Protein backbone atom coordinates (compact mmCIF):
# COMPACT_ATOMS: atom_id res chain seq x y z
CA MET A 1 -8.34 32.87 9.46
CA LYS A 2 -7.97 33.54 13.11
CA GLY A 3 -5.99 30.87 15.24
CA MET A 4 -4.25 29.47 12.08
CA GLU A 5 -1.60 32.19 11.44
CA ASN A 6 1.22 29.92 12.75
CA PHE A 7 -0.46 26.83 11.42
CA THR A 8 1.99 24.39 9.64
CA VAL A 9 2.40 20.88 8.44
CA GLU A 10 5.74 19.33 8.20
CA VAL A 11 6.00 17.04 5.40
CA SER A 12 8.51 14.85 6.98
CA PRO A 13 7.34 13.20 9.92
CA GLU A 14 9.13 14.09 13.31
CA THR A 15 12.23 12.14 14.48
CA PHE A 16 14.01 11.16 17.75
CA GLU A 17 17.11 9.70 18.72
CA TRP A 18 17.48 6.12 20.14
CA LEU A 19 20.72 4.12 20.73
CA GLY A 20 22.35 6.73 18.13
CA LEU A 21 19.55 5.73 15.64
CA THR A 22 17.26 8.59 13.81
CA ILE A 23 13.92 7.45 14.22
CA SER A 24 10.53 8.67 12.84
CA GLN A 25 7.06 8.50 13.85
CA SER A 26 6.08 6.92 10.77
CA GLN A 27 8.67 4.12 11.52
CA VAL A 28 7.20 3.57 14.95
CA THR A 29 3.86 3.42 13.66
CA LEU A 30 5.04 0.69 10.97
CA PHE A 31 6.87 -1.41 13.57
CA ILE A 32 3.65 -1.42 15.80
CA VAL A 33 1.37 -2.41 13.05
CA THR A 34 3.87 -5.45 12.17
CA LEU A 35 3.91 -6.74 15.39
CA LEU A 36 0.13 -6.80 15.55
CA LEU A 37 0.09 -8.37 12.17
CA VAL A 38 2.71 -11.01 13.17
CA ALA A 39 0.72 -11.50 16.48
CA PHE A 40 -2.27 -12.31 14.47
CA GLY A 41 -0.93 -14.59 11.87
CA LEU A 42 0.54 -16.72 14.83
CA VAL A 43 -2.70 -16.77 16.64
CA PHE A 44 -4.69 -17.28 13.32
CA ARG A 45 -2.14 -19.74 12.02
CA TYR A 46 -1.86 -22.08 15.24
CA TYR A 47 -5.30 -21.26 17.08
CA LEU A 48 -7.93 -20.00 14.55
CA PHE A 49 -7.32 -22.02 11.14
CA PRO A 50 -7.10 -25.44 12.98
CA LYS A 51 -10.63 -24.72 13.63
CA PHE A 52 -11.86 -24.20 10.32
CA THR A 53 -14.54 -26.45 9.24
CA GLU A 54 -16.52 -27.22 5.83
CA ARG A 55 -19.58 -25.14 7.03
CA PRO A 56 -17.82 -21.89 7.95
CA GLY A 57 -18.85 -19.49 10.75
CA LYS A 58 -19.24 -15.88 10.30
CA PHE A 59 -15.30 -15.13 10.84
CA GLN A 60 -14.43 -18.05 8.44
CA ASN A 61 -16.81 -16.48 5.62
CA VAL A 62 -15.19 -12.99 6.38
CA ILE A 63 -11.76 -14.47 5.69
CA GLU A 64 -12.63 -16.91 2.73
CA LEU A 65 -14.68 -13.94 1.25
CA LEU A 66 -11.31 -11.52 1.49
CA VAL A 67 -8.79 -14.35 -0.03
CA GLU A 68 -11.17 -15.12 -2.65
CA ALA A 69 -11.55 -11.52 -3.66
CA ALA A 70 -8.28 -11.01 -3.87
CA GLY A 71 -7.76 -14.14 -6.04
CA LYS A 72 -10.17 -12.93 -8.11
CA MET A 73 -8.95 -9.53 -8.60
CA ALA A 74 -5.39 -10.93 -9.46
CA ASP A 75 -7.00 -13.54 -12.09
CA SER A 76 -8.92 -10.76 -13.85
CA ASN A 77 -5.91 -8.69 -14.25
CA LEU A 78 -3.40 -11.18 -14.97
CA HIS A 79 -5.88 -14.00 -16.93
CA GLY A 80 -4.76 -16.83 -14.52
CA LYS A 81 -1.04 -16.54 -14.54
CA CYS A 82 1.26 -15.43 -11.67
CA ALA A 83 -0.85 -17.25 -9.37
CA GLY A 84 1.39 -16.16 -6.27
CA LEU A 85 1.00 -12.71 -6.88
CA TYR A 86 -2.41 -12.51 -5.04
CA ALA A 87 -0.55 -13.73 -1.88
CA TYR A 88 1.58 -10.44 -2.47
CA SER A 89 -1.38 -8.19 -3.03
CA PHE A 90 -3.37 -9.42 -0.12
CA SER A 91 -0.64 -9.07 2.00
CA MET A 92 0.34 -5.58 0.86
CA MET A 93 -3.61 -4.73 1.24
CA VAL A 94 -3.55 -5.72 4.90
CA LEU A 95 -0.40 -3.80 6.01
CA MET A 96 -1.67 -0.64 4.17
CA VAL A 97 -5.31 -0.58 5.42
CA THR A 98 -4.17 -1.60 9.20
CA SER A 99 -1.32 1.13 9.13
CA TYR A 100 -3.86 3.65 7.92
CA LEU A 101 -6.28 2.62 10.63
CA MET A 102 -3.44 3.72 13.13
CA GLU A 103 -4.26 7.49 12.47
CA LEU A 104 -7.54 6.70 14.26
CA LEU A 105 -5.34 6.47 17.22
CA GLY A 106 -3.53 9.67 16.63
CA MET A 107 -0.52 8.35 15.38
CA ARG A 108 1.12 9.50 11.84
CA ILE A 109 0.30 6.81 9.51
CA PRO A 110 3.33 5.44 7.16
CA ALA A 111 2.04 6.24 3.98
CA THR A 112 2.60 10.06 4.68
CA ASP A 113 6.22 9.26 4.69
CA PHE A 114 7.54 9.29 1.16
CA ASN A 115 10.36 6.68 2.49
CA PHE A 116 7.76 4.12 2.96
CA THR A 117 5.28 4.62 -0.07
CA PHE A 118 8.70 4.45 -2.27
CA ALA A 119 10.00 1.37 -0.38
CA VAL A 120 6.46 -0.49 -1.01
CA ALA A 121 6.53 0.89 -4.71
CA VAL A 122 10.21 -0.65 -4.86
CA MET A 123 8.92 -3.85 -3.70
CA SER A 124 6.16 -3.76 -6.34
CA LEU A 125 8.91 -3.19 -9.06
CA VAL A 126 11.03 -6.28 -8.00
CA VAL A 127 7.71 -8.32 -8.21
CA ILE A 128 7.24 -7.28 -11.60
CA VAL A 129 10.64 -7.79 -12.92
CA TYR A 130 10.72 -11.20 -11.14
CA TYR A 131 7.57 -12.46 -12.96
CA GLY A 132 9.08 -10.85 -16.24
CA VAL A 133 12.01 -12.93 -15.79
CA LYS A 134 10.34 -16.04 -14.90
CA TYR A 135 7.81 -16.02 -17.72
CA LYS A 136 10.37 -14.47 -20.49
CA GLY A 137 13.75 -15.54 -19.12
CA GLY A 138 16.42 -13.00 -18.56
CA TRP A 139 17.55 -12.30 -22.08
CA GLY A 140 14.10 -12.61 -23.10
CA TYR A 141 12.72 -10.22 -20.86
CA ILE A 142 15.56 -7.49 -21.79
CA LYS A 143 14.83 -7.94 -25.39
CA SER A 144 11.28 -7.55 -25.06
CA PHE A 145 12.04 -4.06 -24.21
CA GLY A 146 13.16 -3.03 -27.75
CA LYS A 147 9.85 -4.41 -29.24
CA PRO A 148 8.31 -3.43 -31.66
CA LEU A 149 11.37 -1.19 -32.47
CA GLY A 150 14.91 -1.05 -31.24
CA ILE A 151 14.64 2.24 -30.69
CA MET A 152 12.08 1.93 -28.05
CA TRP A 153 14.54 0.12 -25.69
CA PRO A 154 15.73 3.05 -23.67
CA PHE A 155 12.29 4.61 -23.25
CA ARG A 156 10.82 1.29 -22.26
CA VAL A 157 13.72 0.61 -19.58
CA LEU A 158 13.34 4.23 -18.40
CA SER A 159 9.23 3.72 -18.00
CA GLU A 160 10.07 0.58 -16.08
CA LEU A 161 12.41 2.43 -13.90
CA LEU A 162 9.83 5.18 -13.27
CA ILE A 163 7.05 2.72 -11.95
CA PRO A 164 8.18 3.25 -8.17
CA VAL A 165 8.20 6.91 -8.77
CA SER A 166 4.51 6.67 -10.11
CA LEU A 167 3.20 4.59 -7.58
CA SER A 168 4.77 6.27 -4.45
CA CYS A 169 4.11 9.64 -5.56
CA ARG A 170 0.49 9.03 -6.21
CA MET A 171 -0.16 7.44 -2.90
CA PHE A 172 2.15 9.76 -1.02
CA GLY A 173 0.31 12.83 -2.59
CA ASN A 174 -3.37 11.60 -2.02
CA LEU A 175 -2.78 10.35 1.55
CA PHE A 176 -0.69 13.35 2.80
CA ALA A 177 -2.96 15.77 1.49
CA ALA A 178 -5.72 13.84 3.50
CA MET A 179 -3.73 14.57 6.48
CA VAL A 180 -3.27 18.23 5.64
CA VAL A 181 -7.22 18.52 5.36
CA MET A 182 -7.64 16.87 8.32
CA ASP A 183 -4.99 19.01 10.34
CA ILE A 184 -6.87 22.34 8.89
CA VAL A 185 -10.16 21.11 9.82
CA TYR A 186 -8.94 20.25 13.64
CA GLU A 187 -7.02 23.59 13.69
CA ALA A 188 -9.71 25.79 12.54
CA MET A 189 -12.59 24.07 14.48
CA SER A 190 -10.39 24.33 17.75
CA TYR A 191 -12.22 23.37 20.88
CA PHE A 192 -15.42 22.75 18.54
CA ALA A 193 -13.60 19.72 16.48
CA ILE A 194 -16.44 17.38 17.52
CA GLY A 195 -18.68 15.48 15.14
CA ILE A 196 -17.51 16.93 11.95
CA PRO A 197 -13.53 15.83 12.12
CA ALA A 198 -14.85 12.14 12.88
CA LEU A 199 -16.91 12.10 10.10
CA LEU A 200 -13.83 13.25 7.74
CA ALA A 201 -11.57 10.62 9.72
CA LEU A 202 -13.90 7.91 8.66
CA TYR A 203 -13.82 8.88 4.98
CA PHE A 204 -10.14 9.67 4.89
CA ASN A 205 -9.28 6.64 6.88
CA LEU A 206 -11.79 4.23 5.23
CA PHE A 207 -13.10 5.36 1.72
CA ASP A 208 -10.10 7.18 0.51
CA VAL A 209 -7.69 4.79 1.79
CA GLY A 210 -9.44 1.99 0.34
CA ILE A 211 -9.29 3.56 -3.10
CA GLN A 212 -5.50 4.29 -2.85
CA VAL A 213 -4.90 0.68 -1.70
CA TYR A 214 -7.14 -0.73 -4.49
CA ILE A 215 -5.30 1.57 -7.22
CA PHE A 216 -1.67 0.64 -5.86
CA VAL A 217 -2.82 -2.97 -6.04
CA THR A 218 -4.21 -2.84 -9.52
CA LEU A 219 -1.44 -1.13 -11.02
CA THR A 220 1.03 -3.48 -9.47
CA GLN A 221 -0.67 -6.44 -11.24
CA ILE A 222 -1.38 -4.31 -14.32
CA PHE A 223 2.42 -3.85 -14.86
CA THR A 224 3.01 -7.09 -13.93
CA GLY A 225 0.72 -8.51 -16.69
CA GLU A 226 2.39 -6.26 -18.91
CA ALA A 227 6.20 -7.62 -17.97
CA ILE A 228 4.77 -11.11 -18.78
CA GLU A 229 2.71 -10.40 -21.80
CA GLU A 230 3.64 -12.41 -24.96
CA ASP A 231 5.16 -10.27 -27.86
């Protein structure tokens, strides 16, 4: 296609040097998102939360619906167990959705950096192992890998270690592909990139992101349910 002969997309985000450190664009985005969420958390806890009433207003209704939805989602996947997991799930959803929306401001989102997706996937594995040990005990959790047959032990351990790879590759692949599609559209339309890219951005930054976040959190909860499942 004319005008796209030199079109390229970098798999790794651009980096720059600061105080002897190599920092990527995705890290900058994640840092900004973290600051925004911390600021909002402080405002919410010390200013908005004390104003909550028994007859909620619109804002309180939205917050309560989101928290309730996260709780029901965890309960349906974990059958009422691991009550604290919904807080982790809700936090991950807020972090991911907020970071994805930064693309609307022209910033590279963290999920298009495999380092980010792998890091959050490892966090999920830690959560899964934590609840497995909590419900079965350390030795009981290890022994569960060898059931129903001892020969299954190495395969079960391997499948557990591959959970971060599965979660991270799925998210990275989908959202990096979405970024590439958007870059191709902008490059192909050039000066006429009005309207259509905006509609595509709404899809990729809302609908597609929502699906990926939902899948990530759901799989984390399902894997946790398998880890605590009675033999």
